[in-house]
N, C-alpha and C. Protein backbone atom coordinates (compact mmCIF):
# COMPACT_ATOMS: atom_id res chain seq x y z
N MET A 1 -41.26 73.50 21.76
CA MET A 1 -41.10 72.57 20.66
C MET A 1 -42.46 72.29 20.04
N PHE A 2 -42.45 71.85 18.80
CA PHE A 2 -43.67 71.41 18.13
C PHE A 2 -43.27 70.40 17.06
N TYR A 3 -44.26 69.57 16.70
CA TYR A 3 -44.00 68.61 15.63
C TYR A 3 -45.32 68.20 15.01
N GLN A 4 -45.27 67.69 13.81
CA GLN A 4 -46.43 67.18 13.11
C GLN A 4 -46.42 65.66 13.22
N PRO A 5 -47.40 65.09 13.95
CA PRO A 5 -47.41 63.64 14.15
C PRO A 5 -47.36 62.86 12.84
N GLY A 6 -46.40 61.96 12.76
CA GLY A 6 -46.25 61.12 11.58
C GLY A 6 -45.55 61.79 10.42
N ILE A 7 -45.20 63.08 10.59
CA ILE A 7 -44.56 63.80 9.50
C ILE A 7 -43.17 64.28 9.90
N THR A 8 -43.09 64.99 11.03
CA THR A 8 -41.80 65.48 11.50
C THR A 8 -41.44 64.82 12.82
N GLU A 9 -40.17 64.79 13.15
CA GLU A 9 -39.69 64.16 14.39
C GLU A 9 -39.91 65.09 15.58
N HIS A 10 -40.29 64.48 16.72
CA HIS A 10 -40.45 65.29 17.94
C HIS A 10 -39.15 65.40 18.72
N GLY A 11 -38.20 64.54 18.46
CA GLY A 11 -36.90 64.64 19.11
C GLY A 11 -36.88 64.22 20.56
N LEU A 12 -37.93 63.58 21.04
CA LEU A 12 -38.00 63.12 22.42
C LEU A 12 -37.82 61.61 22.49
N PRO A 13 -37.46 61.07 23.66
CA PRO A 13 -37.27 59.62 23.77
C PRO A 13 -38.53 58.83 23.44
N HIS A 14 -39.71 59.39 23.76
CA HIS A 14 -40.98 58.72 23.51
C HIS A 14 -41.98 59.74 22.99
N ASP A 15 -42.93 59.28 22.20
CA ASP A 15 -43.97 60.15 21.69
C ASP A 15 -44.79 60.69 22.87
N PRO A 16 -44.99 62.02 22.97
CA PRO A 16 -45.67 62.60 24.13
C PRO A 16 -47.19 62.66 24.00
N PHE A 17 -47.76 62.20 22.88
CA PHE A 17 -49.19 62.40 22.64
C PHE A 17 -50.07 61.91 23.78
N LYS A 18 -49.90 60.64 24.17
CA LYS A 18 -50.76 60.08 25.21
C LYS A 18 -50.49 60.72 26.57
N ALA A 19 -49.29 61.22 26.78
CA ALA A 19 -48.96 61.87 28.05
C ALA A 19 -49.62 63.25 28.15
N CYS A 20 -50.08 63.77 27.03
CA CYS A 20 -50.73 65.09 27.05
C CYS A 20 -52.21 65.00 27.42
N VAL A 21 -52.84 63.91 27.02
CA VAL A 21 -54.27 63.75 27.26
C VAL A 21 -54.45 62.86 28.49
N VAL A 22 -54.46 63.47 29.66
CA VAL A 22 -54.46 62.71 30.92
C VAL A 22 -55.32 63.42 31.96
N PRO A 23 -55.78 62.68 32.98
CA PRO A 23 -55.78 61.21 33.06
C PRO A 23 -56.95 60.64 32.29
N ARG A 24 -56.81 59.40 31.84
CA ARG A 24 -57.86 58.75 31.06
C ARG A 24 -58.48 57.61 31.86
N PRO A 25 -59.81 57.55 31.95
CA PRO A 25 -60.46 56.44 32.65
C PRO A 25 -60.10 55.11 31.99
N ILE A 26 -60.16 54.06 32.79
CA ILE A 26 -59.86 52.72 32.28
C ILE A 26 -61.16 52.03 31.87
N GLY A 27 -61.23 51.60 30.63
CA GLY A 27 -62.37 50.80 30.18
C GLY A 27 -62.06 49.33 30.42
N TRP A 28 -62.37 48.85 31.63
CA TRP A 28 -62.11 47.44 31.96
C TRP A 28 -63.33 46.65 31.50
N ILE A 29 -63.23 46.07 30.32
CA ILE A 29 -64.39 45.52 29.63
C ILE A 29 -64.40 43.99 29.69
N SER A 30 -65.53 43.45 30.13
CA SER A 30 -65.70 42.00 30.11
C SER A 30 -66.72 41.63 29.04
N THR A 31 -66.44 40.52 28.35
CA THR A 31 -67.30 40.01 27.29
C THR A 31 -67.34 38.50 27.35
N LYS A 32 -68.22 37.93 26.53
CA LYS A 32 -68.27 36.48 26.36
C LYS A 32 -68.47 36.21 24.88
N ASN A 33 -67.73 35.23 24.33
CA ASN A 33 -67.90 34.93 22.91
C ASN A 33 -69.04 33.94 22.69
N LYS A 34 -69.32 33.63 21.43
CA LYS A 34 -70.44 32.75 21.11
C LYS A 34 -70.25 31.34 21.63
N GLN A 35 -68.99 30.98 21.88
CA GLN A 35 -68.70 29.64 22.41
C GLN A 35 -68.80 29.60 23.94
N GLY A 36 -69.12 30.74 24.56
CA GLY A 36 -69.27 30.79 26.01
C GLY A 36 -67.98 31.08 26.77
N GLN A 37 -66.90 31.40 26.04
CA GLN A 37 -65.63 31.71 26.69
C GLN A 37 -65.60 33.18 27.11
N CYS A 38 -65.10 33.44 28.31
CA CYS A 38 -65.10 34.79 28.88
C CYS A 38 -63.80 35.53 28.57
N ASN A 39 -63.90 36.84 28.47
CA ASN A 39 -62.74 37.69 28.19
C ASN A 39 -62.81 38.92 29.06
N LEU A 40 -61.65 39.41 29.47
CA LEU A 40 -61.56 40.60 30.30
C LEU A 40 -60.30 41.37 29.90
N ALA A 41 -60.46 42.66 29.55
CA ALA A 41 -59.31 43.44 29.09
C ALA A 41 -59.52 44.93 29.38
N PRO A 42 -58.42 45.66 29.67
CA PRO A 42 -58.52 47.09 29.94
C PRO A 42 -58.19 47.93 28.70
N TYR A 43 -58.90 49.03 28.55
CA TYR A 43 -58.67 49.96 27.44
C TYR A 43 -58.59 51.38 28.01
N SER A 44 -57.51 52.07 27.68
CA SER A 44 -57.30 53.40 28.28
C SER A 44 -57.88 54.54 27.47
N GLN A 45 -58.49 54.22 26.32
CA GLN A 45 -59.30 55.21 25.62
C GLN A 45 -60.77 54.84 25.87
N PHE A 46 -61.32 55.39 26.95
CA PHE A 46 -62.67 55.04 27.40
C PHE A 46 -63.32 56.28 28.02
N ASN A 47 -64.63 56.42 27.82
CA ASN A 47 -65.33 57.52 28.48
C ASN A 47 -66.84 57.36 28.29
N ASN A 48 -67.60 58.25 28.97
CA ASN A 48 -69.04 58.32 28.75
C ASN A 48 -69.32 59.33 27.65
N LEU A 49 -70.48 59.20 27.01
CA LEU A 49 -70.83 60.09 25.90
C LEU A 49 -71.99 61.01 26.25
N THR A 50 -73.05 60.45 26.80
CA THR A 50 -74.21 61.23 27.18
C THR A 50 -74.90 60.51 28.33
N PHE A 51 -76.03 61.06 28.83
CA PHE A 51 -76.58 60.51 30.07
C PHE A 51 -78.05 60.12 29.99
N ASP A 52 -78.77 60.51 28.94
CA ASP A 52 -80.21 60.24 28.93
C ASP A 52 -80.65 59.80 27.54
N PRO A 53 -80.48 58.51 27.18
CA PRO A 53 -79.93 57.44 28.02
C PRO A 53 -78.40 57.47 28.01
N PRO A 54 -77.77 56.81 28.98
CA PRO A 54 -76.30 56.82 29.04
C PRO A 54 -75.65 55.92 27.99
N TYR A 55 -74.60 56.44 27.38
CA TYR A 55 -73.78 55.68 26.45
C TYR A 55 -72.32 55.77 26.88
N VAL A 56 -71.54 54.74 26.59
CA VAL A 56 -70.10 54.76 26.83
C VAL A 56 -69.38 54.43 25.53
N ILE A 57 -68.10 54.77 25.50
CA ILE A 57 -67.29 54.55 24.30
C ILE A 57 -65.91 54.06 24.70
N PHE A 58 -65.37 53.11 23.95
CA PHE A 58 -63.97 52.72 24.15
C PHE A 58 -63.38 52.37 22.79
N SER A 59 -62.07 52.49 22.69
CA SER A 59 -61.41 52.19 21.42
C SER A 59 -60.28 51.20 21.64
N SER A 60 -60.00 50.46 20.58
CA SER A 60 -59.00 49.39 20.65
C SER A 60 -58.19 49.35 19.37
N ASN A 61 -56.88 49.53 19.49
CA ASN A 61 -55.99 49.32 18.35
C ASN A 61 -55.92 47.82 18.04
N GLN A 62 -55.69 47.48 16.79
CA GLN A 62 -55.48 46.09 16.46
C GLN A 62 -54.07 45.67 16.89
N THR A 63 -53.79 44.39 16.86
CA THR A 63 -52.50 43.89 17.32
C THR A 63 -51.42 44.16 16.28
N ALA A 64 -50.17 43.89 16.66
CA ALA A 64 -49.04 44.06 15.73
C ALA A 64 -49.15 43.13 14.53
N GLN A 65 -49.98 42.08 14.67
CA GLN A 65 -50.21 41.16 13.55
C GLN A 65 -51.42 41.57 12.71
N GLY A 66 -52.00 42.74 13.03
CA GLY A 66 -53.15 43.23 12.27
C GLY A 66 -54.45 42.54 12.62
N ILE A 67 -54.55 41.96 13.84
CA ILE A 67 -55.74 41.24 14.26
C ILE A 67 -56.55 42.12 15.22
N ARG A 68 -57.85 42.13 15.08
CA ARG A 68 -58.71 42.88 15.97
C ARG A 68 -58.76 42.22 17.35
N LYS A 69 -58.92 43.03 18.39
CA LYS A 69 -58.90 42.51 19.76
C LYS A 69 -60.14 41.66 20.05
N ASP A 70 -59.97 40.71 20.97
CA ASP A 70 -61.06 39.80 21.34
C ASP A 70 -62.30 40.55 21.80
N THR A 71 -62.11 41.62 22.57
CA THR A 71 -63.24 42.38 23.11
C THR A 71 -64.13 42.90 21.98
N ILE A 72 -63.51 43.42 20.94
CA ILE A 72 -64.27 43.97 19.82
C ILE A 72 -65.07 42.88 19.13
N ILE A 73 -64.41 41.76 18.85
CA ILE A 73 -65.07 40.65 18.18
C ILE A 73 -66.26 40.16 19.00
N ASN A 74 -66.06 39.97 20.30
CA ASN A 74 -67.12 39.45 21.16
C ASN A 74 -68.29 40.41 21.27
N ALA A 75 -68.00 41.70 21.45
CA ALA A 75 -69.07 42.70 21.59
C ALA A 75 -69.92 42.76 20.33
N GLU A 76 -69.27 42.72 19.18
CA GLU A 76 -70.00 42.79 17.93
C GLU A 76 -70.83 41.53 17.69
N GLU A 77 -70.27 40.36 18.01
CA GLU A 77 -70.96 39.11 17.71
C GLU A 77 -72.12 38.84 18.67
N THR A 78 -71.97 39.24 19.94
CA THR A 78 -73.01 38.95 20.93
C THR A 78 -73.91 40.14 21.22
N GLY A 79 -73.44 41.35 20.89
CA GLY A 79 -74.25 42.55 21.13
C GLY A 79 -74.25 43.02 22.56
N THR A 80 -73.29 42.56 23.38
CA THR A 80 -73.27 42.94 24.79
C THR A 80 -71.84 43.05 25.31
N PHE A 81 -71.67 43.82 26.36
CA PHE A 81 -70.42 43.86 27.13
C PHE A 81 -70.69 44.53 28.46
N VAL A 82 -69.73 44.43 29.38
CA VAL A 82 -69.84 45.05 30.71
C VAL A 82 -68.61 45.89 30.97
N TRP A 83 -68.82 47.10 31.48
CA TRP A 83 -67.70 47.91 31.97
C TRP A 83 -67.61 47.74 33.48
N ASN A 84 -66.38 47.48 33.96
CA ASN A 84 -66.10 47.32 35.39
C ASN A 84 -65.14 48.41 35.83
N LEU A 85 -65.44 49.09 36.93
CA LEU A 85 -64.57 50.16 37.42
C LEU A 85 -63.23 49.58 37.88
N ALA A 86 -62.14 50.12 37.35
CA ALA A 86 -60.79 49.71 37.74
C ALA A 86 -60.36 50.56 38.93
N THR A 87 -60.04 49.92 40.03
CA THR A 87 -59.73 50.63 41.27
C THR A 87 -58.30 50.36 41.74
N TRP A 88 -57.88 51.16 42.71
CA TRP A 88 -56.54 51.01 43.27
C TRP A 88 -56.30 49.60 43.78
N ASN A 89 -57.28 49.04 44.48
CA ASN A 89 -57.11 47.69 45.04
C ASN A 89 -57.04 46.62 43.96
N LEU A 90 -57.53 46.92 42.78
CA LEU A 90 -57.55 45.94 41.68
C LEU A 90 -56.50 46.23 40.61
N ARG A 91 -55.57 47.13 40.91
CA ARG A 91 -54.62 47.59 39.89
C ARG A 91 -53.75 46.46 39.33
N GLU A 92 -53.34 45.53 40.15
CA GLU A 92 -52.50 44.43 39.66
C GLU A 92 -53.30 43.52 38.73
N ALA A 93 -54.56 43.29 39.06
CA ALA A 93 -55.41 42.47 38.20
C ALA A 93 -55.65 43.16 36.86
N VAL A 94 -55.84 44.48 36.89
CA VAL A 94 -56.01 45.24 35.65
C VAL A 94 -54.81 45.04 34.75
N ASN A 95 -53.63 45.13 35.32
CA ASN A 95 -52.39 45.02 34.55
C ASN A 95 -52.23 43.63 33.94
N ILE A 96 -52.60 42.61 34.70
CA ILE A 96 -52.49 41.23 34.19
C ILE A 96 -53.42 41.03 33.00
N THR A 97 -54.62 41.61 33.06
CA THR A 97 -55.58 41.40 31.97
C THR A 97 -55.21 42.18 30.71
N ALA A 98 -54.19 43.04 30.79
CA ALA A 98 -53.71 43.75 29.60
C ALA A 98 -52.83 42.87 28.73
N GLU A 99 -52.39 41.74 29.27
CA GLU A 99 -51.52 40.84 28.51
C GLU A 99 -52.24 40.28 27.29
N GLN A 100 -51.56 40.22 26.17
CA GLN A 100 -52.13 39.64 24.96
C GLN A 100 -52.02 38.12 25.03
N THR A 101 -53.17 37.49 25.08
CA THR A 101 -53.24 36.04 25.21
C THR A 101 -54.02 35.44 24.05
N PRO A 102 -53.92 34.13 23.81
CA PRO A 102 -54.66 33.51 22.71
C PRO A 102 -56.16 33.69 22.87
N TYR A 103 -56.87 33.78 21.73
CA TYR A 103 -58.32 33.96 21.75
C TYR A 103 -58.97 32.82 22.53
N GLY A 104 -59.90 33.18 23.42
CA GLY A 104 -60.58 32.20 24.25
C GLY A 104 -60.01 32.08 25.64
N THR A 105 -58.87 32.74 25.92
CA THR A 105 -58.30 32.72 27.27
C THR A 105 -59.22 33.44 28.25
N ASP A 106 -59.45 32.85 29.41
CA ASP A 106 -60.30 33.45 30.44
C ASP A 106 -59.43 34.29 31.37
N GLU A 107 -59.43 35.62 31.15
CA GLU A 107 -58.59 36.51 31.96
C GLU A 107 -59.11 36.66 33.39
N PHE A 108 -60.37 36.31 33.64
CA PHE A 108 -60.86 36.30 35.02
C PHE A 108 -60.01 35.33 35.84
N GLU A 109 -59.81 34.15 35.28
CA GLU A 109 -59.00 33.14 35.97
C GLU A 109 -57.53 33.54 36.00
N LEU A 110 -57.07 34.18 34.93
CA LEU A 110 -55.67 34.57 34.83
C LEU A 110 -55.27 35.57 35.91
N CYS A 111 -56.16 36.54 36.20
CA CYS A 111 -55.83 37.59 37.16
C CYS A 111 -56.40 37.33 38.55
N GLY A 112 -57.23 36.31 38.69
CA GLY A 112 -57.70 35.91 40.02
C GLY A 112 -58.87 36.69 40.57
N VAL A 113 -59.67 37.34 39.71
CA VAL A 113 -60.87 38.01 40.21
C VAL A 113 -62.07 37.07 40.08
N ALA A 114 -63.09 37.34 40.89
CA ALA A 114 -64.27 36.48 40.91
C ALA A 114 -65.30 36.96 39.90
N LYS A 115 -66.03 36.01 39.32
CA LYS A 115 -67.09 36.33 38.37
C LYS A 115 -68.41 36.53 39.11
N GLU A 116 -69.17 37.49 38.60
CA GLU A 116 -70.52 37.74 39.08
C GLU A 116 -71.41 37.92 37.85
N GLN A 117 -72.44 37.12 37.72
CA GLN A 117 -73.26 37.17 36.51
C GLN A 117 -74.04 38.46 36.43
N ALA A 118 -74.01 39.09 35.26
CA ALA A 118 -74.80 40.29 35.05
C ALA A 118 -76.29 39.94 35.06
N THR A 119 -77.12 40.97 35.17
CA THR A 119 -78.56 40.76 35.31
C THR A 119 -79.29 40.70 33.97
N LEU A 120 -78.98 41.62 33.07
CA LEU A 120 -79.71 41.75 31.81
C LEU A 120 -78.95 41.25 30.60
N VAL A 121 -77.64 41.06 30.72
CA VAL A 121 -76.84 40.55 29.61
C VAL A 121 -76.09 39.31 30.06
N ASP A 122 -75.80 38.44 29.12
CA ASP A 122 -75.11 37.18 29.44
C ASP A 122 -73.60 37.40 29.40
N VAL A 123 -73.12 38.19 30.35
CA VAL A 123 -71.70 38.51 30.46
C VAL A 123 -71.33 38.51 31.95
N PRO A 124 -70.18 37.95 32.32
CA PRO A 124 -69.77 38.02 33.73
C PRO A 124 -69.21 39.39 34.07
N MET A 125 -69.45 39.81 35.31
CA MET A 125 -68.89 41.05 35.84
C MET A 125 -67.82 40.70 36.87
N ILE A 126 -67.03 41.69 37.25
CA ILE A 126 -66.01 41.49 38.28
C ILE A 126 -66.66 41.74 39.65
N LYS A 127 -66.76 40.71 40.45
CA LYS A 127 -67.44 40.82 41.74
C LYS A 127 -66.78 41.86 42.64
N GLU A 128 -65.45 41.96 42.60
CA GLU A 128 -64.73 42.86 43.48
C GLU A 128 -64.82 44.34 43.06
N SER A 129 -65.25 44.59 41.84
CA SER A 129 -65.35 45.97 41.36
C SER A 129 -66.62 46.61 41.92
N PRO A 130 -66.53 47.82 42.47
CA PRO A 130 -67.68 48.43 43.14
C PRO A 130 -68.72 49.04 42.20
N VAL A 131 -68.36 49.24 40.93
CA VAL A 131 -69.29 49.84 39.97
C VAL A 131 -69.21 49.07 38.65
N LYS A 132 -70.38 48.67 38.13
CA LYS A 132 -70.43 47.95 36.86
C LYS A 132 -71.57 48.47 36.00
N PHE A 133 -71.33 48.56 34.69
CA PHE A 133 -72.35 48.93 33.71
C PHE A 133 -72.60 47.75 32.78
N GLU A 134 -73.84 47.31 32.68
CA GLU A 134 -74.22 46.34 31.66
C GLU A 134 -74.58 47.12 30.40
N CYS A 135 -74.02 46.72 29.28
CA CYS A 135 -74.16 47.51 28.05
C CYS A 135 -74.64 46.69 26.87
N GLU A 136 -75.49 47.33 26.08
CA GLU A 136 -75.86 46.79 24.77
C GLU A 136 -74.96 47.42 23.71
N TYR A 137 -74.38 46.60 22.87
CA TYR A 137 -73.54 47.10 21.78
C TYR A 137 -74.39 47.95 20.84
N HIS A 138 -73.88 49.12 20.46
CA HIS A 138 -74.59 50.01 19.56
C HIS A 138 -73.96 50.04 18.17
N THR A 139 -72.67 50.38 18.11
CA THR A 139 -72.02 50.48 16.81
C THR A 139 -70.51 50.48 16.96
N THR A 140 -69.83 50.24 15.84
CA THR A 140 -68.37 50.34 15.77
C THR A 140 -68.00 51.33 14.68
N ILE A 141 -67.11 52.23 15.02
CA ILE A 141 -66.53 53.15 14.04
C ILE A 141 -65.07 52.73 13.87
N ARG A 142 -64.67 52.46 12.66
CA ARG A 142 -63.30 51.98 12.41
C ARG A 142 -62.50 53.09 11.75
N LEU A 143 -61.48 53.57 12.47
CA LEU A 143 -60.63 54.64 11.97
C LEU A 143 -59.37 54.04 11.34
N PRO A 144 -59.07 54.40 10.10
CA PRO A 144 -57.86 53.89 9.46
C PRO A 144 -56.62 54.55 10.05
N GLY A 145 -55.56 53.79 10.14
CA GLY A 145 -54.31 54.31 10.66
C GLY A 145 -53.13 53.64 10.02
N ASN A 146 -51.94 53.99 10.50
CA ASN A 146 -50.72 53.42 9.94
C ASN A 146 -50.54 51.98 10.42
N PRO A 147 -50.18 51.07 9.53
CA PRO A 147 -49.96 49.68 9.92
C PRO A 147 -48.71 49.55 10.79
N PRO A 148 -48.63 48.49 11.61
CA PRO A 148 -49.66 47.45 11.73
C PRO A 148 -50.71 47.74 12.81
N MET A 149 -50.42 48.67 13.76
CA MET A 149 -51.29 48.83 14.92
C MET A 149 -52.16 50.08 14.89
N GLY A 150 -51.98 50.95 13.89
CA GLY A 150 -52.64 52.24 13.92
C GLY A 150 -54.15 52.20 13.74
N THR A 151 -54.64 51.23 12.99
CA THR A 151 -56.09 51.14 12.76
C THR A 151 -56.80 50.85 14.08
N VAL A 152 -57.89 51.58 14.35
CA VAL A 152 -58.54 51.47 15.64
C VAL A 152 -60.04 51.24 15.48
N ASP A 153 -60.59 50.38 16.35
CA ASP A 153 -62.04 50.16 16.42
C ASP A 153 -62.59 50.96 17.59
N ILE A 154 -63.57 51.82 17.32
CA ILE A 154 -64.23 52.60 18.37
C ILE A 154 -65.61 52.00 18.59
N VAL A 155 -65.86 51.50 19.79
CA VAL A 155 -67.11 50.83 20.11
C VAL A 155 -67.96 51.73 21.00
N ILE A 156 -69.23 51.87 20.64
CA ILE A 156 -70.19 52.62 21.44
C ILE A 156 -71.23 51.65 21.97
N GLY A 157 -71.53 51.76 23.27
CA GLY A 157 -72.53 50.90 23.88
C GLY A 157 -73.51 51.69 24.71
N LYS A 158 -74.74 51.22 24.77
CA LYS A 158 -75.78 51.84 25.58
C LYS A 158 -75.84 51.15 26.94
N VAL A 159 -75.78 51.94 28.01
CA VAL A 159 -75.83 51.38 29.36
C VAL A 159 -77.28 51.08 29.71
N ILE A 160 -77.58 49.81 29.98
CA ILE A 160 -78.96 49.41 30.26
C ILE A 160 -79.15 48.97 31.71
N ASN A 161 -78.06 48.81 32.45
CA ASN A 161 -78.18 48.42 33.86
C ASN A 161 -76.90 48.82 34.59
N MET A 162 -77.05 49.34 35.80
CA MET A 162 -75.89 49.80 36.58
C MET A 162 -75.89 49.13 37.95
N HIS A 163 -74.70 48.75 38.41
CA HIS A 163 -74.52 48.16 39.73
C HIS A 163 -73.56 49.04 40.53
N ILE A 164 -73.97 49.47 41.70
CA ILE A 164 -73.11 50.27 42.59
C ILE A 164 -73.17 49.66 43.98
N THR A 165 -72.02 49.30 44.51
CA THR A 165 -71.94 48.73 45.85
C THR A 165 -72.34 49.78 46.88
N ASP A 166 -73.24 49.41 47.79
CA ASP A 166 -73.72 50.37 48.80
C ASP A 166 -72.59 51.00 49.59
N GLY A 167 -71.53 50.25 49.82
CA GLY A 167 -70.44 50.72 50.67
C GLY A 167 -69.64 51.87 50.10
N VAL A 168 -69.81 52.19 48.80
CA VAL A 168 -69.06 53.31 48.21
C VAL A 168 -69.90 54.57 48.10
N LEU A 169 -71.09 54.55 48.73
CA LEU A 169 -71.95 55.73 48.75
C LEU A 169 -71.79 56.48 50.07
N THR A 170 -71.77 57.80 49.98
CA THR A 170 -71.75 58.67 51.16
C THR A 170 -72.79 59.76 50.97
N ASP A 171 -73.79 59.77 51.85
CA ASP A 171 -74.88 60.75 51.75
C ASP A 171 -75.53 60.74 50.38
N GLY A 172 -75.68 59.56 49.82
CA GLY A 172 -76.36 59.42 48.55
C GLY A 172 -75.52 59.71 47.33
N LEU A 173 -74.24 60.01 47.52
CA LEU A 173 -73.35 60.31 46.40
C LEU A 173 -72.29 59.23 46.27
N LEU A 174 -71.93 58.90 45.03
CA LEU A 174 -70.82 57.98 44.81
C LEU A 174 -69.54 58.63 45.31
N ASP A 175 -68.89 58.01 46.27
CA ASP A 175 -67.75 58.62 46.97
C ASP A 175 -66.44 58.14 46.35
N ILE A 176 -65.79 59.02 45.63
CA ILE A 176 -64.56 58.67 44.93
C ILE A 176 -63.43 58.33 45.90
N ARG A 177 -63.55 58.82 47.13
CA ARG A 177 -62.54 58.49 48.16
C ARG A 177 -62.64 57.02 48.57
N LYS A 178 -63.80 56.43 48.32
CA LYS A 178 -64.00 55.02 48.66
C LYS A 178 -63.72 54.11 47.46
N THR A 179 -64.03 54.57 46.25
CA THR A 179 -63.79 53.73 45.08
C THR A 179 -62.33 53.77 44.63
N GLU A 180 -61.66 54.93 44.80
CA GLU A 180 -60.27 55.12 44.40
C GLU A 180 -60.00 54.58 42.98
N PRO A 181 -60.65 55.15 41.97
CA PRO A 181 -60.42 54.68 40.60
C PRO A 181 -59.01 55.00 40.12
N ILE A 182 -58.46 54.13 39.30
CA ILE A 182 -57.16 54.41 38.69
C ILE A 182 -57.40 54.91 37.27
N ALA A 183 -56.45 55.66 36.76
CA ALA A 183 -56.56 56.23 35.43
C ALA A 183 -55.21 56.17 34.75
N ARG A 184 -55.23 56.16 33.43
CA ARG A 184 -54.02 56.03 32.63
C ARG A 184 -53.42 57.39 32.34
N CYS A 185 -52.13 57.49 32.48
CA CYS A 185 -51.39 58.70 32.11
C CYS A 185 -50.53 58.36 30.88
N GLY A 186 -49.38 58.99 30.75
CA GLY A 186 -48.52 58.67 29.62
C GLY A 186 -47.53 57.57 29.95
N TYR A 187 -46.91 57.03 28.91
CA TYR A 187 -45.84 56.05 29.07
C TYR A 187 -46.36 54.85 29.87
N TYR A 188 -45.70 54.47 30.98
CA TYR A 188 -46.19 53.38 31.82
C TYR A 188 -46.82 53.92 33.10
N GLN A 189 -47.24 55.16 33.08
CA GLN A 189 -47.71 55.82 34.29
C GLN A 189 -49.23 55.71 34.46
N TYR A 190 -49.63 55.52 35.70
CA TYR A 190 -51.04 55.55 36.10
C TYR A 190 -51.17 56.52 37.26
N THR A 191 -52.40 56.87 37.58
CA THR A 191 -52.65 57.69 38.76
C THR A 191 -53.89 57.14 39.46
N VAL A 192 -54.09 57.56 40.71
CA VAL A 192 -55.28 57.16 41.46
C VAL A 192 -55.98 58.42 41.95
N VAL A 193 -57.31 58.46 41.79
CA VAL A 193 -58.09 59.63 42.20
C VAL A 193 -58.55 59.42 43.63
N GLN A 194 -58.18 60.33 44.52
CA GLN A 194 -58.51 60.20 45.93
C GLN A 194 -59.19 61.43 46.52
N LYS A 195 -59.25 62.53 45.77
CA LYS A 195 -59.95 63.71 46.27
C LYS A 195 -60.50 64.50 45.10
N THR A 196 -61.49 65.33 45.37
CA THR A 196 -62.13 66.12 44.34
C THR A 196 -62.35 67.55 44.84
N LEU A 197 -62.73 68.43 43.94
CA LEU A 197 -63.17 69.77 44.31
C LEU A 197 -64.39 70.11 43.48
N ASP A 198 -65.31 70.89 44.04
CA ASP A 198 -66.52 71.29 43.34
C ASP A 198 -66.31 72.64 42.66
N ILE A 199 -66.65 72.72 41.38
CA ILE A 199 -66.63 73.97 40.63
C ILE A 199 -67.95 74.04 39.87
N VAL A 200 -68.82 74.99 40.24
CA VAL A 200 -70.12 75.15 39.60
C VAL A 200 -70.07 76.35 38.66
N ILE A 201 -70.45 76.16 37.40
CA ILE A 201 -70.43 77.23 36.42
C ILE A 201 -71.48 78.28 36.81
N PRO A 202 -71.10 79.55 36.88
CA PRO A 202 -72.06 80.58 37.28
C PRO A 202 -73.04 80.92 36.15
N ASN A 203 -74.22 81.42 36.55
CA ASN A 203 -75.21 81.96 35.62
C ASN A 203 -75.67 80.97 34.57
N MET A 204 -75.79 79.70 34.99
CA MET A 204 -76.26 78.67 34.08
C MET A 204 -77.75 78.42 34.29
N SER A 205 -78.46 78.13 33.21
CA SER A 205 -79.88 77.82 33.32
C SER A 205 -80.07 76.43 33.94
N GLU A 206 -81.30 76.19 34.41
CA GLU A 206 -81.58 74.94 35.11
C GLU A 206 -81.39 73.73 34.21
N ASP A 207 -81.77 73.86 32.94
CA ASP A 207 -81.65 72.71 32.05
C ASP A 207 -80.19 72.35 31.79
N VAL A 208 -79.31 73.36 31.72
CA VAL A 208 -77.88 73.09 31.52
C VAL A 208 -77.30 72.41 32.75
N LEU A 209 -77.69 72.89 33.93
CA LEU A 209 -77.20 72.29 35.17
C LEU A 209 -77.69 70.85 35.30
N ASP A 210 -78.91 70.59 34.84
CA ASP A 210 -79.43 69.21 34.85
C ASP A 210 -78.51 68.30 34.03
N GLY A 211 -78.06 68.82 32.89
CA GLY A 211 -77.17 68.03 32.06
C GLY A 211 -75.82 67.82 32.70
N LEU A 212 -75.28 68.85 33.33
CA LEU A 212 -73.98 68.74 33.98
C LEU A 212 -74.04 67.77 35.16
N GLU A 213 -75.19 67.72 35.82
CA GLU A 213 -75.36 66.79 36.94
C GLU A 213 -75.77 65.41 36.48
N GLU A 214 -76.02 65.26 35.16
CA GLU A 214 -76.53 64.02 34.59
C GLU A 214 -77.81 63.60 35.30
N ASN A 215 -78.71 64.57 35.47
CA ASN A 215 -79.98 64.33 36.15
C ASN A 215 -81.05 63.98 35.11
N ALA A 216 -81.18 62.71 34.81
CA ALA A 216 -82.10 62.27 33.75
C ALA A 216 -83.55 62.55 34.12
N ALA A 217 -83.90 62.38 35.40
CA ALA A 217 -85.29 62.60 35.82
C ALA A 217 -85.70 64.04 35.59
N ARG A 218 -84.87 64.99 36.01
CA ARG A 218 -85.19 66.40 35.81
C ARG A 218 -85.15 66.76 34.33
N ASN A 219 -84.27 66.13 33.59
CA ASN A 219 -84.18 66.38 32.16
C ASN A 219 -85.48 65.98 31.47
N GLN A 220 -86.06 64.86 31.87
CA GLN A 220 -87.31 64.40 31.28
C GLN A 220 -88.48 65.29 31.66
N ARG A 221 -88.47 65.80 32.90
CA ARG A 221 -89.53 66.72 33.30
C ARG A 221 -89.44 68.00 32.50
N PHE A 222 -88.22 68.45 32.22
CA PHE A 222 -88.05 69.65 31.41
C PHE A 222 -88.60 69.44 30.01
N ASP A 223 -88.40 68.23 29.48
CA ASP A 223 -88.89 67.92 28.14
C ASP A 223 -90.41 67.97 28.10
N LEU A 224 -91.06 67.56 29.19
CA LEU A 224 -92.53 67.57 29.24
C LEU A 224 -93.07 68.99 29.18
N THR A 225 -92.33 69.95 29.71
CA THR A 225 -92.78 71.33 29.68
C THR A 225 -92.76 71.91 28.28
N LEU A 226 -92.03 71.27 27.38
CA LEU A 226 -91.96 71.75 26.00
C LEU A 226 -93.05 71.19 25.12
N SER A 227 -93.68 70.10 25.57
CA SER A 227 -94.67 69.42 24.74
C SER A 227 -96.08 69.95 25.03
């Protein structure tokens, strides 16, 4: 089967688009507004962009009433946000924070997670989450879409500080078997990552492998050899 999105019918009970692009990391983003009120919400269109320096990206559709999400407003107004790793043990809290609540609602209190103050930005982090990124807001790209919810805000942030709990490291590597991150699939489906496999691209130059490993230190040394 095939169809043209928004033009021809797919003939299925639900649109399969999001079920095709899987699994997607969860952008569990915490912010604070100018009035000092905290916000916490998950976004399933989230990922990293580059590594030296590291940037992350997440997108947010507006509400059915055509209102932009609290996270977007707060990040733009304050210039900061925090990404918190969504894990298997925190899955119920993640789901609760997806609820659309009035502006200014503190979802930390709503879902029962503890606040931990970030180091470089004035935003609370989730204490129970084993990995956190403190981010400086960089820019918003606004993509037009079909009303009322199609228009989307794409936010890019620069990671300026990272927190990793010692207990999720094994032999110096972040151990996915210990963090058990959850990811979004299609429909109401999620998955949990519990094992990995290594696949190394053959015949790659050292600089390319540095990028694949996100080795910023070696990347910078390589740059010095060019100057």
